[in-house]
Protein backbone atom coordinates (compact mmCIF):
# COMPACT_ATOMS: atom_id res chain seq x y z
CA UNK A 1 39.46 -50.54 55.17
CA UNK A 2 41.47 -47.49 54.09
CA UNK A 3 42.23 -44.87 56.69
CA UNK A 4 41.39 -41.33 55.66
CA UNK A 5 43.25 -38.50 57.32
CA UNK A 6 42.03 -35.02 58.27
CA UNK A 7 44.21 -32.18 59.46
CA UNK A 8 43.16 -29.51 61.98
CA UNK A 9 45.79 -26.95 62.86
CA UNK A 10 48.66 -29.41 62.68
CA UNK A 11 46.74 -32.27 64.31
CA UNK A 12 46.07 -35.34 62.18
CA UNK A 13 43.15 -37.57 63.08
CA UNK A 14 42.05 -40.81 61.43
CA UNK A 15 38.42 -41.11 60.39
CA UNK A 16 38.28 -44.89 59.98
CA UNK A 17 35.17 -46.45 61.49
CA UNK A 18 35.63 -48.12 64.83
CA UNK A 19 33.77 -51.42 65.17
CA UNK A 20 32.78 -52.32 68.69
CA UNK A 21 33.70 -56.00 68.68
CA UNK A 22 31.00 -56.96 71.18
CA UNK A 23 28.48 -56.24 68.41
CA UNK A 24 29.97 -59.29 66.68
CA UNK A 25 29.70 -61.64 69.68
CA UNK A 26 26.92 -64.16 69.99
CA UNK A 27 25.30 -63.77 73.43
CA UNK A 28 25.86 -66.47 76.02
CA UNK A 29 23.24 -69.17 76.45
CA UNK A 30 20.70 -68.95 79.23
CA UNK A 31 20.28 -71.84 81.64
CA UNK A 32 16.53 -72.09 81.19
CA UNK A 33 14.68 -71.15 78.02
CA UNK A 34 11.23 -71.91 76.73
CA UNK A 35 11.35 -74.27 73.78
CA UNK A 36 9.67 -72.64 70.81
CA UNK A 37 9.46 -75.35 68.18
CA UNK A 38 7.62 -73.21 65.64
CA UNK A 39 10.30 -70.50 65.81
CA UNK A 40 13.13 -73.05 65.63
CA UNK A 41 11.46 -74.54 62.53
CA UNK A 42 11.23 -71.08 60.92
CA UNK A 43 14.90 -70.44 61.65
CA UNK A 44 15.79 -73.83 60.13
CA UNK A 45 13.84 -72.90 56.98
CA UNK A 46 15.84 -69.68 56.85
CA UNK A 47 19.06 -71.67 56.44
CA UNK A 48 18.10 -72.22 52.80
CA UNK A 49 18.36 -68.45 52.23
CA UNK A 50 21.52 -66.34 51.95
CA UNK A 51 20.51 -64.04 54.84
CA UNK A 52 18.05 -64.35 57.70
CA UNK A 53 16.94 -61.29 59.65
CA UNK A 54 15.12 -61.59 62.95
CA UNK A 55 13.13 -58.45 63.72
CA UNK A 56 11.01 -57.71 66.80
CA UNK A 57 10.80 -55.03 69.50
CA UNK A 58 13.44 -54.81 72.22
CA UNK A 59 13.09 -57.42 74.95
CA UNK A 60 11.12 -59.97 72.92
CA UNK A 61 13.89 -62.61 73.04
CA UNK A 62 15.39 -62.33 69.55
CA UNK A 63 18.98 -62.81 70.68
CA UNK A 64 18.01 -65.54 73.15
CA UNK A 65 16.12 -67.66 70.62
CA UNK A 66 18.69 -67.29 67.85
CA UNK A 67 21.66 -68.04 70.13
CA UNK A 68 19.82 -71.07 71.54
CA UNK A 69 18.91 -72.32 68.05
CA UNK A 70 22.49 -71.86 66.76
CA UNK A 71 23.79 -73.93 69.69
CA UNK A 72 21.06 -76.63 69.45
CA UNK A 73 21.55 -77.14 65.72
CA UNK A 74 25.34 -76.56 65.82
CA UNK A 75 25.05 -73.84 63.17
CA UNK A 76 28.10 -71.84 62.11
CA UNK A 77 26.96 -68.27 61.64
CA UNK A 78 28.10 -64.69 61.77
CA UNK A 79 26.50 -62.39 64.35
CA UNK A 80 25.79 -58.67 64.15
CA UNK A 81 23.91 -56.77 66.86
CA UNK A 82 22.43 -53.50 65.63
CA UNK A 83 21.03 -50.44 67.35
CA UNK A 84 19.70 -47.03 66.30
CA UNK A 85 23.22 -45.72 65.69
CA UNK A 86 23.73 -48.36 63.02
CA UNK A 87 21.05 -46.89 60.76
CA UNK A 88 23.37 -46.55 57.77
CA UNK A 89 23.31 -49.05 54.87
CA UNK A 90 27.07 -48.83 54.26
CA UNK A 91 27.81 -49.48 57.93
CA UNK A 92 25.35 -52.39 58.01
CA UNK A 93 26.93 -54.12 55.01
CA UNK A 94 30.48 -53.56 56.35
CA UNK A 95 29.47 -55.12 59.67
CA UNK A 96 27.74 -57.97 57.91
CA UNK A 97 30.90 -58.70 55.86
CA UNK A 98 33.00 -58.56 59.02
CA UNK A 99 30.66 -60.99 60.78
CA UNK A 100 30.63 -63.32 57.79
CA UNK A 101 34.42 -63.33 57.59
CA UNK A 102 34.61 -64.25 61.28
CA UNK A 103 31.88 -66.90 61.39
CA UNK A 104 33.03 -70.08 62.97
CA UNK A 105 35.55 -68.09 65.00
CA UNK A 106 32.96 -66.01 66.82
CA UNK A 107 33.16 -66.01 70.57
CA UNK A 108 30.24 -65.97 72.90
CA UNK A 109 29.78 -62.83 74.92
CA UNK A 110 31.39 -63.01 78.35
């Protein structure tokens, strides 16, 4: 990613985007989860597609179910966590490419 420079009164500052690496970490697995066969089956069907998005309100267990499914089925996948500040298509696609490039090397969140 090229670094653009801006100058303010003799001060040079880079304007390259900073990626918070924890947004690219798969969350750790929980000790006890509810098995949701129907949702696991839907996620398995999604493997035939180039991209699967899981969308639901905060706190509904999206990260938990996907992390559990990835571990159960031993799926190699990229991971991107998004929030309201990521509401920019260019940023989304850059993060997606970064996650895809790192899949298989992704660490679980501490």
